[in-house]
Protein backbone atom coordinates (compact mmCIF):
# COMPACT_ATOMS: atom_id res chain seq x y z
CA MET A 1 -39.67 6.57 0.72
CA GLN A 2 -37.53 7.82 -2.11
CA GLU A 3 -37.22 5.98 -5.40
CA HIS A 4 -33.67 4.86 -6.29
CA GLY A 5 -34.10 6.34 -9.82
CA PRO A 6 -34.87 7.47 -12.46
CA ARG A 7 -32.74 10.58 -12.19
CA TRP A 8 -29.47 12.28 -13.16
CA ARG A 9 -27.46 14.64 -11.03
CA CYS A 10 -25.23 17.43 -12.42
CA ALA A 11 -21.72 17.55 -11.22
CA ASP A 12 -21.70 21.31 -11.00
CA ASN A 13 -22.99 21.09 -7.42
CA SER A 14 -26.22 22.81 -8.38
CA GLY A 15 -28.20 19.88 -7.10
CA ASP A 16 -30.55 19.97 -10.16
CA LEU A 17 -32.19 16.66 -10.87
CA LEU A 18 -32.93 15.71 -14.45
CA THR A 19 -35.07 12.77 -15.56
CA ASP A 20 -34.19 10.65 -18.61
CA GLY A 21 -36.68 7.79 -18.10
CA SER A 22 -34.01 5.24 -17.04
CA ASN A 23 -33.12 3.70 -13.73
CA LYS A 24 -29.75 5.47 -13.61
CA GLN A 25 -28.15 8.29 -11.78
CA LYS A 26 -25.41 10.03 -13.71
CA TYR A 27 -22.84 12.63 -12.64
CA GLY A 28 -21.86 14.73 -15.51
CA GLY A 29 -22.62 18.13 -17.03
CA ARG A 30 -20.55 21.19 -17.14
CA HIS A 31 -17.51 20.05 -15.13
CA ARG A 32 -15.42 16.99 -15.10
CA MET A 33 -16.17 14.53 -12.47
CA ARG A 34 -13.83 14.90 -9.48
CA ILE A 35 -12.40 11.73 -8.14
CA ALA A 36 -10.59 12.28 -4.79
CA ILE A 37 -8.14 9.91 -3.06
CA PRO A 38 -7.42 10.83 0.57
CA LYS A 39 -4.43 9.37 2.50
CA GLU A 40 -5.20 6.37 4.60
CA THR A 41 -5.10 7.23 8.40
CA HIS A 42 -5.71 3.77 9.97
CA PRO A 43 -2.67 2.88 12.08
CA GLY A 44 -0.25 0.66 10.11
CA GLU A 45 -2.17 0.83 6.93
CA ASN A 46 0.29 1.19 4.06
CA ARG A 47 -1.93 0.03 1.16
CA ILE A 48 -3.26 2.60 -1.14
CA PRO A 49 -6.40 2.80 -3.34
CA ILE A 50 -4.93 3.87 -6.66
CA THR A 51 -1.37 3.42 -8.09
CA PRO A 52 0.06 5.93 -10.59
CA ALA A 53 -0.56 3.44 -13.45
CA HIS A 54 -4.26 3.41 -12.75
CA ALA A 55 -4.30 7.17 -11.95
CA LYS A 56 -3.08 7.68 -15.49
CA ARG A 57 -6.04 5.66 -16.81
CA LEU A 58 -8.63 7.55 -14.73
CA VAL A 59 -7.27 10.80 -16.11
CA ALA A 60 -7.37 9.50 -19.60
CA MET A 61 -11.02 8.54 -19.04
CA GLY A 62 -11.79 12.22 -18.41
CA ALA A 63 -11.81 12.35 -14.61
CA ASP A 64 -10.49 15.37 -12.60
CA LEU A 65 -8.31 13.31 -10.32
CA VAL A 66 -7.00 14.80 -6.95
CA VAL A 67 -4.86 12.87 -4.42
CA GLU A 68 -3.88 14.06 -0.95
CA ALA A 69 -0.19 14.84 -0.47
CA GLY A 70 1.71 11.71 0.63
CA MET A 71 -1.12 9.35 -0.22
CA GLY A 72 1.07 6.84 -2.05
CA SER A 73 4.05 6.89 0.34
CA GLY A 74 3.14 3.79 2.28
CA SER A 75 3.53 1.72 -0.86
CA GLY A 76 6.54 3.64 -2.23
CA PHE A 77 4.85 6.02 -4.73
CA THR A 78 5.78 9.67 -4.65
CA ASP A 79 3.46 12.72 -5.31
CA SER A 80 5.34 13.50 -8.46
CA GLU A 81 4.44 10.16 -9.93
CA TYR A 82 0.80 11.21 -9.68
CA THR A 83 1.26 14.72 -11.06
CA ASP A 84 3.28 13.22 -13.93
CA VAL A 85 0.22 11.36 -15.11
CA GLY A 86 -2.17 14.34 -14.84
CA ALA A 87 -3.44 14.18 -11.21
CA THR A 88 -3.50 17.06 -8.77
CA VAL A 89 -1.99 16.86 -5.34
CA SER A 90 -3.67 18.54 -2.54
CA ASN A 91 -2.69 19.51 1.06
CA ASP A 92 -6.22 20.40 2.18
CA ARG A 93 -7.83 17.20 3.36
CA ALA A 94 -11.20 18.90 4.22
CA GLU A 95 -11.51 20.58 0.78
CA LEU A 96 -10.66 17.24 -0.85
CA PHE A 97 -13.59 15.55 0.94
CA GLY A 98 -15.87 18.42 0.35
CA SER A 99 -15.28 18.81 -3.42
CA ALA A 100 -15.26 15.12 -4.38
CA ASP A 101 -17.87 13.49 -6.59
CA ILE A 102 -16.23 10.08 -5.88
CA LEU A 103 -13.92 9.15 -2.99
CA LEU A 104 -11.83 6.03 -3.49
CA ARG A 105 -10.44 4.53 -0.25
CA VAL A 106 -9.03 1.18 1.27
CA ARG A 107 -10.54 1.67 4.77
CA LYS A 108 -13.93 2.90 5.90
CA PRO A 109 -14.17 6.57 6.76
CA GLN A 110 -14.45 8.14 10.14
CA LEU A 111 -17.92 9.47 10.96
CA GLU A 112 -16.77 13.01 10.94
CA GLU A 113 -15.47 12.54 7.40
CA ILE A 114 -18.86 11.59 6.16
CA GLY A 115 -20.10 15.04 7.33
CA GLN A 116 -17.49 16.65 5.20
CA MET A 117 -18.82 15.02 1.94
CA LYS A 118 -21.25 16.73 -0.25
CA ARG A 119 -24.74 15.16 -0.60
CA GLY A 120 -24.89 12.84 -3.54
CA ALA A 121 -21.18 11.98 -3.54
CA ILE A 122 -20.05 8.36 -3.94
CA HIS A 123 -17.72 6.72 -1.49
CA ILE A 124 -16.06 3.37 -2.44
CA SER A 125 -14.06 1.31 0.07
CA TYR A 126 -14.16 -1.55 2.49
CA LEU A 127 -17.08 -0.79 4.84
CA ASP A 128 -17.90 -3.92 6.88
CA PRO A 129 -21.63 -3.16 6.51
CA PHE A 130 -22.78 -6.22 8.50
CA ASN A 131 -21.16 -4.76 11.69
CA GLU A 132 -20.75 -1.00 11.00
CA HIS A 133 -24.47 -0.08 11.54
CA GLY A 134 -23.58 3.44 12.69
CA LEU A 135 -21.60 4.08 9.64
CA VAL A 136 -24.25 2.75 7.32
CA ASN A 137 -26.80 5.08 9.03
CA ALA A 138 -24.45 8.06 8.73
CA PHE A 139 -24.02 7.44 4.94
CA LYS A 140 -27.88 7.19 4.63
CA ASP A 141 -28.52 10.41 6.53
CA ALA A 142 -25.85 12.31 4.61
CA GLY A 143 -27.25 11.22 1.29
CA ILE A 144 -23.98 9.52 0.24
CA THR A 145 -23.87 6.55 -2.14
CA ALA A 146 -21.81 4.06 -0.27
CA ILE A 147 -20.36 1.14 -2.26
CA SER A 148 -18.83 -1.70 -0.25
CA MET A 149 -15.84 -3.55 -1.72
CA GLU A 150 -16.70 -6.57 0.44
CA MET A 151 -20.09 -6.88 -1.28
CA ILE A 152 -18.88 -7.29 -4.86
CA PRO A 153 -20.72 -10.38 -5.99
CA ARG A 154 -18.77 -13.47 -6.74
CA THR A 155 -19.51 -13.88 -10.43
CA THR A 156 -17.33 -14.61 -13.40
CA ARG A 157 -17.71 -11.08 -14.74
CA SER A 158 -16.85 -9.34 -11.51
CA GLN A 159 -13.69 -11.36 -10.67
CA LYS A 160 -11.55 -8.40 -11.80
CA MET A 161 -13.27 -6.29 -9.16
CA ASP A 162 -13.18 -8.91 -6.36
CA ALA A 163 -10.98 -7.14 -3.75
CA LEU A 164 -11.73 -9.76 -1.11
CA SER A 165 -10.18 -12.46 -3.26
CA SER A 166 -7.16 -10.39 -4.46
CA GLN A 167 -6.29 -9.43 -0.94
CA ALA A 168 -6.95 -12.87 0.53
CA ASN A 169 -4.56 -14.40 -2.10
CA LEU A 170 -1.77 -12.24 -0.74
CA ALA A 171 -2.85 -12.98 2.91
CA GLY A 172 -2.39 -16.75 2.29
CA TYR A 173 1.17 -16.18 1.22
CA VAL A 174 1.93 -13.84 4.14
CA MET A 175 0.55 -16.36 6.68
CA VAL A 176 3.01 -18.96 5.59
CA ILE A 177 5.93 -16.51 5.61
CA GLN A 178 5.00 -15.44 9.12
CA ALA A 179 4.78 -19.01 10.32
CA ALA A 180 8.20 -19.77 8.76
CA THR A 181 9.64 -16.74 10.54
CA TYR A 182 8.50 -17.89 14.05
CA LEU A 183 8.98 -21.70 13.50
CA PRO A 184 12.34 -22.72 15.03
CA ARG A 185 12.98 -25.10 12.09
CA ILE A 186 12.99 -25.10 8.34
CA PHE A 187 10.04 -26.16 6.11
CA PRO A 188 11.77 -28.40 3.51
CA MET A 189 13.53 -31.89 4.00
CA MET A 190 17.19 -31.36 3.84
CA MET A 191 19.83 -34.18 3.56
CA THR A 192 23.17 -33.08 4.99
CA PRO A 193 26.40 -34.80 6.22
CA ALA A 194 25.10 -34.24 9.69
CA GLY A 195 21.99 -36.14 9.02
CA THR A 196 18.48 -35.68 7.31
CA LEU A 197 16.13 -32.99 8.45
CA LYS A 198 12.49 -34.05 8.00
CA PRO A 199 10.03 -31.60 6.28
CA ALA A 200 7.73 -29.49 8.51
CA ASN A 201 4.11 -30.63 8.79
CA VAL A 202 1.68 -27.94 7.85
CA PHE A 203 -2.10 -28.17 8.37
CA VAL A 204 -4.40 -25.56 6.59
CA ILE A 205 -7.98 -25.35 7.78
CA GLY A 206 -10.11 -23.69 5.13
CA ALA A 207 -9.26 -24.03 1.35
CA GLY A 208 -10.76 -20.86 -0.01
CA VAL A 209 -8.64 -18.26 -1.84
CA ALA A 210 -6.36 -17.61 1.18
CA GLY A 211 -6.16 -21.31 2.09
CA LEU A 212 -5.23 -22.47 -1.32
CA GLN A 213 -2.52 -19.83 -1.59
CA ALA A 214 -1.22 -20.88 1.91
CA ILE A 215 -1.11 -24.54 0.73
CA ALA A 216 0.68 -23.70 -2.44
CA THR A 217 3.26 -21.46 -0.68
CA ALA A 218 3.97 -24.02 2.04
CA LYS A 219 4.49 -26.66 -0.65
CA ARG A 220 6.82 -24.42 -2.55
CA LEU A 221 8.91 -23.95 0.61
CA GLY A 222 9.08 -27.81 0.90
CA ALA A 223 6.61 -28.64 3.69
CA LYS A 224 4.39 -31.65 3.94
CA VAL A 225 0.87 -30.17 3.77
CA THR A 226 -2.55 -31.43 4.78
CA ALA A 227 -5.71 -29.40 4.40
CA PHE A 228 -9.47 -29.47 5.22
CA ASP A 229 -12.42 -27.60 4.10
CA THR A 230 -16.13 -28.11 4.87
CA ARG A 231 -16.84 -27.98 1.19
CA PRO A 232 -16.00 -31.37 -0.42
CA VAL A 233 -16.03 -29.73 -3.79
CA VAL A 234 -12.64 -28.13 -3.10
CA ALA A 235 -10.87 -31.46 -2.40
CA GLU A 236 -9.64 -31.71 -5.92
CA GLN A 237 -8.24 -28.22 -5.81
CA VAL A 238 -6.32 -29.00 -2.62
CA ARG A 239 -4.79 -32.02 -4.21
CA SER A 240 -4.04 -30.08 -7.40
CA VAL A 241 -1.56 -27.98 -5.48
CA GLY A 242 0.21 -30.94 -3.88
CA ALA A 243 -1.60 -31.26 -0.46
CA LYS A 244 -3.34 -34.13 1.15
CA PHE A 245 -7.12 -33.48 1.81
CA LEU A 246 -8.35 -34.61 5.17
CA GLU A 247 -11.60 -36.52 4.79
CA ILE A 248 -14.20 -35.78 7.53
CA ASP A 249 -17.80 -36.82 7.14
CA LEU A 250 -19.75 -33.87 8.49
CA GLY A 251 -22.98 -34.72 6.75
CA GLU A 252 -24.70 -32.13 4.60
CA THR A 253 -22.35 -29.16 4.01
CA GLY A 254 -21.63 -26.94 0.99
CA GLU A 255 -21.20 -23.40 -0.09
CA THR A 256 -23.38 -20.38 -0.57
CA ALA A 257 -24.36 -18.87 -3.94
CA GLY A 258 -21.44 -16.43 -3.42
CA GLY A 259 -18.93 -19.28 -2.99
CA TYR A 260 -18.48 -19.04 0.71
CA ALA A 261 -18.60 -22.01 3.06
CA LYS A 262 -21.96 -22.46 4.72
CA GLU A 263 -22.10 -22.05 8.48
CA LEU A 264 -21.85 -25.39 10.30
CA THR A 265 -24.16 -26.55 13.12
CA PRO A 266 -22.67 -26.82 16.59
CA GLU A 267 -22.63 -30.51 16.19
CA GLN A 268 -20.74 -30.32 12.97
CA VAL A 269 -18.17 -27.89 14.42
CA GLU A 270 -17.57 -30.36 17.32
CA LYS A 271 -17.21 -33.21 15.00
CA GLN A 272 -14.72 -31.29 12.88
CA ARG A 273 -12.69 -30.44 15.97
CA GLN A 274 -12.44 -33.99 17.06
CA ALA A 275 -11.34 -35.29 13.69
CA GLN A 276 -8.75 -32.51 13.34
CA LYS A 277 -7.24 -32.96 16.91
CA GLU A 278 -4.86 -35.75 15.93
CA VAL A 279 -3.60 -33.92 12.79
CA ILE A 280 -3.10 -30.69 14.76
CA ALA A 281 -1.03 -32.59 17.43
CA LYS A 282 1.29 -33.76 14.75
CA SER A 283 1.56 -30.50 12.95
CA ASP A 284 4.47 -28.05 13.27
CA VAL A 285 2.31 -25.26 11.84
CA VAL A 286 -1.41 -24.83 11.78
CA ILE A 287 -3.04 -22.14 9.54
CA THR A 288 -6.74 -21.37 10.09
CA THR A 289 -8.67 -19.37 7.35
CA ALA A 290 -12.30 -20.35 8.30
CA GLN A 291 -14.46 -17.29 8.17
CA VAL A 292 -18.28 -17.09 7.67
CA PHE A 293 -19.07 -13.81 5.79
CA GLY A 294 -20.96 -11.45 8.02
CA ARG A 295 -20.84 -13.66 11.08
CA LYS A 296 -18.46 -14.55 13.92
CA PRO A 297 -16.08 -17.28 12.79
CA PRO A 298 -16.18 -20.80 14.39
CA VAL A 299 -13.62 -21.73 17.06
CA LEU A 300 -11.92 -24.69 15.48
CA VAL A 301 -8.56 -24.96 17.56
CA THR A 302 -9.37 -25.17 21.23
CA ARG A 303 -6.96 -24.79 24.20
CA ASP A 304 -6.64 -28.56 24.66
CA MET A 305 -5.57 -28.87 21.08
CA ILE A 306 -2.94 -26.26 21.49
CA GLU A 307 -1.69 -28.18 24.57
CA GLY A 308 -1.30 -31.24 22.54
CA MET A 309 1.08 -29.52 20.02
CA ALA A 310 4.88 -29.77 20.40
CA THR A 311 6.75 -26.82 22.08
CA GLY A 312 7.85 -24.35 19.31
CA SER A 313 4.88 -25.06 17.01
CA VAL A 314 3.18 -22.22 15.36
CA ILE A 315 -0.50 -21.32 14.70
CA VAL A 316 -1.57 -18.51 12.43
CA ASP A 317 -5.24 -17.44 12.94
CA MET A 318 -6.44 -15.44 9.96
CA ALA A 319 -9.79 -14.73 11.60
CA ALA A 320 -8.39 -13.31 14.83
CA GLU A 321 -9.68 -9.78 14.10
CA THR A 322 -13.26 -10.95 13.73
CA GLY A 323 -13.41 -13.30 16.70
CA GLY A 324 -10.86 -15.93 15.91
CA ASN A 325 -10.67 -19.66 14.86
CA VAL A 326 -8.20 -20.24 17.66
CA GLU A 327 -9.02 -20.15 21.49
CA GLY A 328 -6.74 -17.54 23.03
CA SER A 329 -5.53 -15.84 19.80
CA VAL A 330 -5.39 -11.97 20.29
CA PRO A 331 -6.20 -9.60 17.39
CA ASN A 332 -3.05 -8.00 15.93
CA GLU A 333 -0.70 -9.66 18.42
CA VAL A 334 1.64 -12.67 18.60
CA VAL A 335 1.17 -14.61 21.90
CA GLU A 336 2.57 -17.78 23.36
CA ILE A 337 0.23 -20.42 24.74
CA ASP A 338 1.77 -23.46 26.38
CA GLY A 339 4.88 -23.11 24.27
CA VAL A 340 3.02 -22.66 21.02
CA THR A 341 3.26 -19.30 19.21
CA VAL A 342 -0.15 -18.03 18.11
CA ILE A 343 -0.13 -15.32 15.50
CA GLY A 344 -3.31 -13.17 15.33
CA LYS A 345 -1.94 -10.32 13.14
CA GLY A 346 -4.62 -8.45 11.08
CA ASN A 347 -4.25 -6.76 7.66
CA LEU A 348 -2.09 -9.58 6.39
CA ALA A 349 -2.13 -8.29 2.80
CA GLY A 350 -0.86 -4.98 4.13
CA GLU A 351 2.43 -6.75 5.01
CA VAL A 352 3.17 -6.69 1.27
CA ALA A 353 1.65 -3.28 0.76
CA ARG A 354 2.95 -2.56 -2.82
CA ASP A 355 1.65 -5.68 -4.35
CA ALA A 356 -1.57 -5.44 -2.34
CA SER A 357 -2.03 -1.89 -3.50
CA GLN A 358 -1.41 -2.85 -7.15
CA MET A 359 -4.14 -5.50 -6.91
CA TYR A 360 -6.60 -3.29 -4.91
CA SER A 361 -6.03 -0.54 -7.31
CA ALA A 362 -6.92 -2.70 -10.29
CA ASN A 363 -10.05 -3.85 -8.51
CA LEU A 364 -11.14 -0.33 -7.82
CA PHE A 365 -10.33 0.96 -11.32
CA ASN A 366 -12.14 -1.88 -12.95
CA LEU A 367 -15.27 -1.19 -10.83
CA VAL A 368 -15.17 2.49 -11.82
CA GLU A 369 -14.43 1.87 -15.46
CA ASP A 370 -17.22 -0.71 -15.75
CA SER A 371 -19.78 1.93 -14.89
CA TRP A 372 -18.16 4.88 -16.55
CA ASN A 373 -20.10 6.67 -19.38
CA GLU A 374 -17.42 7.61 -21.89
CA GLU A 375 -19.58 10.21 -23.68
CA ASP A 376 -20.43 12.07 -20.54
CA LYS A 377 -17.23 11.33 -18.59
CA ALA A 378 -19.33 10.26 -15.67
CA PHE A 379 -19.85 7.24 -13.25
CA VAL A 380 -23.38 5.99 -13.65
CA ILE A 381 -25.38 4.46 -10.78
CA ASP A 382 -27.55 1.86 -12.41
CA PHE A 383 -29.82 -0.35 -10.29
CA GLU A 384 -30.39 -2.60 -13.28
CA HIS A 385 -26.62 -3.29 -13.50
CA ASP A 386 -25.61 -6.91 -12.79
CA ILE A 387 -22.95 -5.92 -10.22
CA LEU A 388 -23.65 -2.50 -8.68
CA PRO A 389 -26.95 -3.27 -6.85
CA GLY A 390 -25.31 -5.94 -4.75
CA CYS A 391 -22.49 -3.68 -3.53
CA ILE A 392 -24.37 -0.35 -3.11
CA ILE A 393 -25.31 -0.11 0.59
CA THR A 394 -26.86 3.40 0.68
CA HIS A 395 -28.03 5.73 -2.06
CA GLY A 396 -30.39 8.78 -2.22
CA GLY A 397 -30.97 8.99 1.58
CA GLU A 398 -31.89 5.19 2.06
CA VAL A 399 -30.31 1.87 2.72
CA THR A 400 -30.76 0.18 -0.66
CA ASN A 401 -29.09 -3.21 0.01
CA GLU A 402 -31.91 -5.52 1.13
CA THR A 403 -29.61 -7.72 3.32
CA ILE A 404 -28.23 -4.87 5.24
CA LYS A 405 -31.61 -3.11 5.46
CA ASN A 406 -33.11 -6.22 7.02
CA ILE A 407 -30.29 -6.40 9.55
CA LEU A 408 -30.72 -2.74 10.50
CA GLU A 409 -34.51 -2.97 10.68
CA GLY A 410 -34.84 -6.43 12.37
CA GLY A 411 -31.66 -6.54 14.45
CA ALA A 412 -30.97 -9.97 12.77
């Protein structure tokens, strides 16, 4: 088995390895480090990895920055905005992959794209490593250093790199806007000469980053909001944004060291369902955000609960793409179940692509800048770093993330 370090690799593609006695790998040497940003090809993906503002800062750091022609168009940025700040625009996608020392992406690559990368290159994007076992093995076999944006540790220092949180924040906003679009009534109370319109009742399940933003957005629109989370510690946060917190005694619950809700037992899930059933029946809008990182989400809104809602009510299932919190929700579709509209659209942050790109670009830039060696104009892979080891999935021809390695080796 290879050691992760200590070694440095020159960026002149010679493949020479130099030892400096540290647990770091450095790309530097005779040529500037090439950072490449290919255009996203996933259907409907309009977010981009780097905005012109952050492109300018990467160039100022000493990077040789190349972007694929049309890369920024989905978020309203032109090629000229990138050339104006010192980047190069390329029409040769294959060459872009083959020459890159670092590739910055939103979405995971296609398997054939991994084969186009040079050994030792660094690929940074969302990777879904808990489920994409073939992708992880392809990175390993190709000798690519794969960094997963989902695996950025949730620490105070890494907040500026936390793409999951930044995108979830926008997703929370978008879910409420989508619900308001499909609901055949308004959110706020309105007093008119024709009578008083009561405020809509909104129930948010899960008060993480997305849930809290959904609560705050629904309140700003004038709805009456109730929320629940399995972590009692967030009750005060729910109340601070003006919502009522639904008290359900589930016994011992809590959150992981990374700040995620712990997975409930089947008995706890059933107890939660029953306690929420009456609230759901009285709600005009139900928004579910309950996801367990790396696992299938729990089904919290069953068919009988949907049948108990009034015709015209709306449910937004944030977890639809990964299995769903709502029985009958369909990934990336809007369906009607017993007169209730169930929204299962994915890529919610992508609905506000320009703002989502601005936030994701900041996350990516901060990650690169944090490990950038100013003297050598190079990105340093350091396994003694307090952030990188947790989000590096593969490096030097092996799976280096212990959690992912155990899943691959043990089938857990």
